[in-house]
Amino acid sequence: MNPPISRRTVTTSLLAGAAALGTAGIANAVPAAGRPATGHGRPADPTVVLIHGAFADGSSWRAVVQRLLRQGHRVLAPALPLRGLASDAAYIRSVLESVSGPIVLVGHSYGGAVISQAAAGLPSVKALVYIAAFVPEVGENALQLTGKFPGSTLGEATVTQHYPLPDGGQGDELVIRKDLFRNQFAAGVPVPTAQVMAAGQRPITLAALQEPATAAAWKKIPSWYLVATEDRNIPPAAERWMAERAHAHTVAVRAPHAVSVSDPGPVTDLILRAVRSVRTGH
């Protein structure tokens, strides 16, 4: 059983995630946690919580966050540990429990598996938005879903690193080779941007990708899905299949896996569709 996560840990992580988004993110995103909207905001308006996936961090949502903040929405983009599905989901659930009012919960890539588990049985989460993401059934894992359809070249582009475990052993984590990062993860993103993304990529443990889901919140919470048709991490056919299985409101965008960076407009538009649905109850 994982040790309880303190409020201090949650707050520290939220501040770190906001720092990755820039000073505008610190000024506007962090105060939203733990209290209802004031001023021009309406208490019924949901907070948008953005969960990044593997090989990325909170800054991958930067352009999306900026668009949402300009429209007056409350936004959080916490850092995901990427150490294990159960522990990652428990951490994100603790963040969600610190938010007052309804939530639109968004996950990219592996973050989709995390939100599916973290939101289960949590009444504040009113909508799930999957951005080129995993939507596992109970018992499925990310690697299993990646291999369900042909098209992923992620295995050929990653290298394995070792990290120490608390018991003194070693664990395996994956990173994308820097010389292959843009082509694999962010094709079409300007080269300087892709180089910064490659330098700051967050490794994910192999165990996290192999760990089966124990909950599937998408069975009870309305969902939206963005298929990235040029994705080389998760086959687009797998994305369409998962979206259809979840009965998600689905759009397709000609974009790479890092679609929130390459095409933040369509990503934001889909999130806003979910926000409007929560506002109106339809």
Protein backbone atom coordinates (compact mmCIF):
# COMPACT_ATOMS: atom_id res chain seq x y z
CA MET A 1 0.00 0.00 0.00
CA ASN A 2 1.35 3.45 -0.91
CA PRO A 3 1.96 5.91 1.97
CA PRO A 4 -0.56 8.77 2.23
CA ILE A 5 0.28 11.88 0.24
CA SER A 6 0.39 15.06 2.27
CA ARG A 7 -1.22 18.35 1.30
CA ARG A 8 2.27 19.86 1.31
CA THR A 9 3.36 17.35 -1.35
CA VAL A 10 0.35 18.19 -3.49
CA THR A 11 0.91 21.93 -3.17
CA THR A 12 4.61 21.63 -3.99
CA SER A 13 3.86 19.62 -7.11
CA LEU A 14 1.20 22.07 -8.28
CA LEU A 15 3.62 24.96 -7.89
CA ALA A 16 6.26 23.04 -9.81
CA GLY A 17 3.81 22.28 -12.59
CA ALA A 18 2.73 25.91 -12.78
CA ALA A 19 6.37 27.01 -12.94
CA ALA A 20 6.82 24.84 -16.00
CA LEU A 21 3.98 26.75 -17.63
CA GLY A 22 5.51 30.17 -16.98
CA THR A 23 4.61 33.09 -14.74
CA ALA A 24 1.13 33.41 -16.26
CA GLY A 25 0.43 29.86 -15.16
CA ILE A 26 1.58 30.61 -11.62
CA ALA A 27 -0.60 33.70 -11.41
CA ASN A 28 -3.74 32.11 -12.75
CA ALA A 29 -3.66 28.34 -12.34
CA VAL A 30 -2.51 27.70 -8.77
CA PRO A 31 -5.05 29.86 -6.88
CA ALA A 32 -7.87 27.87 -8.50
CA ALA A 33 -7.15 24.82 -6.36
CA GLY A 34 -9.17 24.36 -3.22
CA ARG A 35 -11.60 27.25 -3.65
CA PRO A 36 -14.50 28.29 -5.90
CA ALA A 37 -14.23 30.95 -8.56
CA THR A 38 -14.46 34.61 -7.57
CA GLY A 39 -14.80 37.83 -9.52
CA HIS A 40 -16.01 37.16 -13.04
CA GLY A 41 -15.91 33.35 -12.66
CA ARG A 42 -19.02 31.36 -11.87
CA PRO A 43 -19.00 28.67 -9.16
CA ALA A 44 -20.64 26.18 -11.53
CA ASP A 45 -17.86 26.51 -14.10
CA PRO A 46 -15.52 23.51 -14.04
CA THR A 47 -11.81 23.57 -13.38
CA VAL A 48 -9.83 22.03 -16.23
CA VAL A 49 -7.13 19.64 -14.97
CA LEU A 50 -4.53 18.64 -17.58
CA ILE A 51 -2.47 15.46 -17.11
CA HIS A 52 0.57 14.97 -19.32
CA GLY A 53 1.88 11.60 -20.44
CA ALA A 54 5.22 9.87 -20.83
CA PHE A 55 8.25 11.66 -22.30
CA ALA A 56 6.65 15.05 -21.51
CA ASP A 57 5.89 17.38 -18.62
CA GLY A 58 3.39 20.08 -17.71
CA SER A 59 4.92 22.53 -20.18
CA SER A 60 3.54 20.39 -23.03
CA TRP A 61 0.15 22.00 -22.22
CA ARG A 62 1.52 25.55 -22.30
CA ALA A 63 -0.32 26.82 -25.40
CA VAL A 64 -3.53 25.07 -24.33
CA VAL A 65 -3.32 26.59 -20.84
CA GLN A 66 -2.76 30.05 -22.30
CA ARG A 67 -5.88 29.73 -24.47
CA LEU A 68 -8.01 28.49 -21.59
CA LEU A 69 -6.80 31.20 -19.23
CA ARG A 70 -7.53 33.91 -21.82
CA GLN A 71 -11.13 32.73 -21.81
CA GLY A 72 -11.33 32.93 -18.03
CA HIS A 73 -11.15 29.23 -17.17
CA ARG A 74 -9.48 27.82 -14.08
CA VAL A 75 -6.67 25.43 -14.99
CA LEU A 76 -4.26 23.05 -13.27
CA ALA A 77 -1.47 21.09 -14.93
CA PRO A 78 0.22 19.02 -12.20
CA ALA A 79 3.38 17.02 -12.73
CA LEU A 80 2.82 13.28 -13.14
CA PRO A 81 5.43 11.04 -11.45
CA LEU A 82 5.35 8.39 -14.25
CA ARG A 83 6.43 5.68 -11.80
CA GLY A 84 3.44 3.30 -11.76
CA LEU A 85 -0.21 3.39 -12.80
CA ALA A 86 -1.69 2.81 -9.35
CA SER A 87 0.62 5.28 -7.58
CA ASP A 88 0.31 7.89 -10.35
CA ALA A 89 -3.49 7.62 -10.26
CA ALA A 90 -3.52 7.89 -6.45
CA TYR A 91 -1.42 11.03 -6.64
CA ILE A 92 -3.63 12.66 -9.28
CA ARG A 93 -6.74 11.70 -7.31
CA SER A 94 -5.31 13.59 -4.32
CA VAL A 95 -4.89 16.64 -6.55
CA LEU A 96 -8.48 16.31 -7.81
CA GLU A 97 -9.76 16.07 -4.25
CA SER A 98 -8.16 19.46 -3.50
CA VAL A 99 -10.24 21.18 -6.21
CA SER A 100 -13.58 22.76 -5.31
CA GLY A 101 -16.46 22.31 -7.75
CA PRO A 102 -16.80 20.31 -10.97
CA ILE A 103 -13.78 19.14 -12.96
CA VAL A 104 -13.08 18.48 -16.62
CA LEU A 105 -10.20 16.00 -16.50
CA VAL A 106 -7.90 15.79 -19.52
CA GLY A 107 -5.23 13.17 -20.20
CA HIS A 108 -2.62 12.84 -22.93
CA SER A 109 -1.03 9.51 -23.87
CA TYR A 110 -0.30 7.47 -20.71
CA GLY A 111 -2.13 10.23 -18.85
CA GLY A 112 -5.33 8.80 -20.30
CA ALA A 113 -4.83 5.57 -18.34
CA VAL A 114 -4.13 7.63 -15.23
CA ILE A 115 -7.30 9.74 -15.46
CA SER A 116 -9.41 6.64 -16.17
CA GLN A 117 -8.29 5.22 -12.84
CA ALA A 118 -8.00 8.42 -10.79
CA ALA A 119 -11.54 9.62 -11.59
CA ALA A 120 -13.36 6.38 -10.78
CA GLY A 121 -16.02 7.02 -8.16
CA LEU A 122 -15.09 10.70 -7.81
CA PRO A 123 -18.31 12.72 -8.22
CA SER A 124 -16.55 16.02 -8.92
CA VAL A 125 -15.19 14.75 -12.25
CA LYS A 126 -17.93 15.49 -14.77
CA ALA A 127 -16.09 14.92 -18.07
CA LEU A 128 -13.04 13.03 -19.34
CA VAL A 129 -11.09 14.27 -22.36
CA TYR A 130 -8.56 11.97 -23.99
CA ILE A 131 -5.90 13.54 -26.22
CA ALA A 132 -4.18 10.80 -28.28
CA ALA A 133 -4.44 8.77 -25.09
CA PHE A 134 -4.91 5.31 -23.66
CA VAL A 135 -8.42 4.39 -22.53
CA PRO A 136 -7.89 1.00 -20.88
CA GLU A 137 -10.49 -1.47 -19.75
CA VAL A 138 -9.91 -3.06 -16.35
CA GLY A 139 -7.06 -5.54 -16.76
CA GLU A 140 -5.51 -3.86 -19.82
CA ASN A 141 -2.19 -2.03 -19.87
CA ALA A 142 -0.60 0.57 -22.12
CA LEU A 143 1.82 -1.77 -23.90
CA GLN A 144 -1.00 -4.19 -24.64
CA LEU A 145 -3.10 -1.44 -26.23
CA THR A 146 -0.13 -0.08 -28.20
CA GLY A 147 0.41 -3.49 -29.77
CA LYS A 148 -3.25 -4.13 -30.55
CA PHE A 149 -2.85 -2.49 -33.99
CA PRO A 150 0.25 -2.03 -36.19
CA GLY A 151 1.89 1.35 -36.62
CA SER A 152 3.80 2.22 -33.45
CA THR A 153 7.54 2.78 -33.84
CA LEU A 154 8.06 3.76 -30.21
CA GLY A 155 9.92 0.58 -29.27
CA GLU A 156 12.60 1.24 -31.87
CA ALA A 157 13.02 4.86 -30.76
CA THR A 158 13.44 4.31 -27.01
CA VAL A 159 16.39 3.32 -24.87
CA THR A 160 16.27 1.78 -21.40
CA GLN A 161 17.83 3.44 -18.39
CA HIS A 162 18.13 2.09 -14.85
CA TYR A 163 17.04 3.80 -11.64
CA PRO A 164 17.37 2.75 -7.98
CA LEU A 165 14.44 1.15 -6.16
CA PRO A 166 13.74 1.70 -2.44
CA ASP A 167 14.67 -1.92 -1.69
CA GLY A 168 18.11 -1.47 -3.20
CA GLY A 169 17.29 -3.08 -6.55
CA GLN A 170 17.07 -1.51 -9.99
CA GLY A 171 14.09 -0.56 -12.11
CA ASP A 172 13.90 0.09 -15.84
CA GLU A 173 12.66 3.33 -17.36
CA LEU A 174 12.36 4.42 -20.97
CA VAL A 175 13.37 7.60 -22.80
CA ILE A 176 13.16 8.48 -26.47
CA ARG A 177 16.51 8.91 -28.19
CA LYS A 178 17.15 12.62 -28.67
CA ASP A 179 18.11 12.18 -32.33
CA LEU A 180 14.78 10.43 -33.00
CA PHE A 181 12.58 12.46 -30.65
CA ARG A 182 11.14 14.94 -33.14
CA ASN A 183 10.33 12.35 -35.79
CA GLN A 184 8.85 9.94 -33.23
CA PHE A 185 7.02 12.24 -30.84
CA ALA A 186 6.68 15.72 -32.32
CA ALA A 187 6.87 15.57 -36.11
CA GLY A 188 6.06 18.99 -37.55
CA VAL A 189 6.91 20.86 -34.36
CA PRO A 190 9.63 23.48 -35.02
CA VAL A 191 13.09 21.99 -34.56
CA PRO A 192 14.16 24.30 -31.68
CA THR A 193 10.95 23.49 -29.77
CA ALA A 194 11.36 19.76 -30.34
CA GLN A 195 14.97 19.93 -29.15
CA VAL A 196 13.90 21.57 -25.89
CA MET A 197 11.18 18.94 -25.46
CA ALA A 198 13.70 16.15 -26.04
CA ALA A 199 16.14 17.61 -23.52
CA GLY A 200 13.44 17.91 -20.84
CA GLN A 201 11.51 14.70 -21.48
CA ARG A 202 10.35 12.78 -18.39
CA PRO A 203 11.21 9.05 -18.40
CA ILE A 204 8.47 6.53 -17.67
CA THR A 205 9.05 3.23 -15.94
CA LEU A 206 8.54 0.08 -17.93
CA ALA A 207 6.47 -1.19 -14.99
CA ALA A 208 4.00 1.69 -15.41
CA LEU A 209 3.37 0.73 -19.04
CA GLN A 210 2.91 -2.91 -18.05
CA GLU A 211 0.67 -2.34 -15.02
CA PRO A 212 -2.97 -3.29 -15.65
CA ALA A 213 -5.76 -0.83 -15.01
CA THR A 214 -7.97 -1.53 -12.00
CA ALA A 215 -10.73 0.99 -12.82
CA ALA A 216 -12.37 2.44 -15.95
CA ALA A 217 -14.05 5.75 -15.14
CA TRP A 218 -15.02 6.25 -18.79
CA LYS A 219 -17.78 3.69 -18.32
CA LYS A 220 -19.74 6.13 -16.16
CA ILE A 221 -18.37 9.59 -17.03
CA PRO A 222 -19.01 11.23 -20.45
CA SER A 223 -15.88 11.35 -22.58
CA TRP A 224 -14.34 13.15 -25.54
CA TYR A 225 -11.42 11.89 -27.66
CA LEU A 226 -8.95 13.50 -30.07
CA VAL A 227 -7.34 11.08 -32.53
CA ALA A 228 -3.91 12.20 -33.79
CA THR A 229 -3.82 10.68 -37.26
CA GLU A 230 -0.01 10.95 -37.59
CA ASP A 231 0.72 9.44 -34.18
CA ARG A 232 3.79 7.17 -34.10
CA ASN A 233 3.53 6.29 -30.40
CA ILE A 234 -0.05 5.00 -30.21
CA PRO A 235 -1.37 3.70 -33.55
CA PRO A 236 -4.22 5.92 -34.77
CA ALA A 237 -6.27 2.75 -35.36
CA ALA A 238 -5.92 1.93 -31.65
CA GLU A 239 -6.97 5.46 -30.73
CA ARG A 240 -10.11 5.20 -32.88
CA TRP A 241 -10.91 1.78 -31.45
CA MET A 242 -10.57 2.96 -27.84
CA ALA A 243 -12.64 6.08 -28.55
CA GLU A 244 -15.40 4.02 -30.14
CA ARG A 245 -15.40 1.52 -27.27
CA ALA A 246 -15.76 4.37 -24.78
CA HIS A 247 -18.58 5.95 -26.84
CA ALA A 248 -16.55 9.15 -26.78
CA HIS A 249 -17.36 12.29 -28.77
CA THR A 250 -14.48 12.00 -31.25
CA VAL A 251 -12.55 14.33 -33.55
CA ALA A 252 -9.51 13.55 -35.71
CA VAL A 253 -6.62 15.94 -36.29
CA ARG A 254 -3.71 15.49 -38.69
CA ALA A 255 -1.07 15.79 -36.00
CA PRO A 256 1.75 13.89 -34.22
CA HIS A 257 1.58 12.38 -30.77
CA ALA A 258 2.54 15.73 -29.19
CA VAL A 259 -0.66 17.28 -30.54
CA SER A 260 -1.07 19.74 -27.65
CA VAL A 261 2.20 21.34 -28.81
CA SER A 262 1.74 21.07 -32.58
CA ASP A 263 -2.01 21.85 -32.69
CA PRO A 264 -3.15 23.48 -29.44
CA GLY A 265 -6.19 25.05 -31.12
CA PRO A 266 -8.11 21.83 -31.85
CA VAL A 267 -7.09 20.41 -28.45
CA THR A 268 -8.46 23.48 -26.69
CA ASP A 269 -11.64 23.40 -28.79
CA LEU A 270 -12.36 19.82 -27.75
CA ILE A 271 -11.77 20.63 -24.09
CA LEU A 272 -14.15 23.58 -24.39
CA ARG A 273 -16.81 21.29 -25.83
CA ALA A 274 -16.56 19.21 -22.69
CA VAL A 275 -16.65 22.34 -20.52
CA ARG A 276 -19.82 23.54 -22.25
CA SER A 277 -21.41 20.15 -21.74
CA VAL A 278 -20.72 20.32 -18.01
CA ARG A 279 -22.08 23.86 -17.82
CA THR A 280 -25.32 23.03 -19.62
CA GLY A 281 -25.77 19.48 -18.41
CA HIS A 282 -25.96 18.17 -22.00
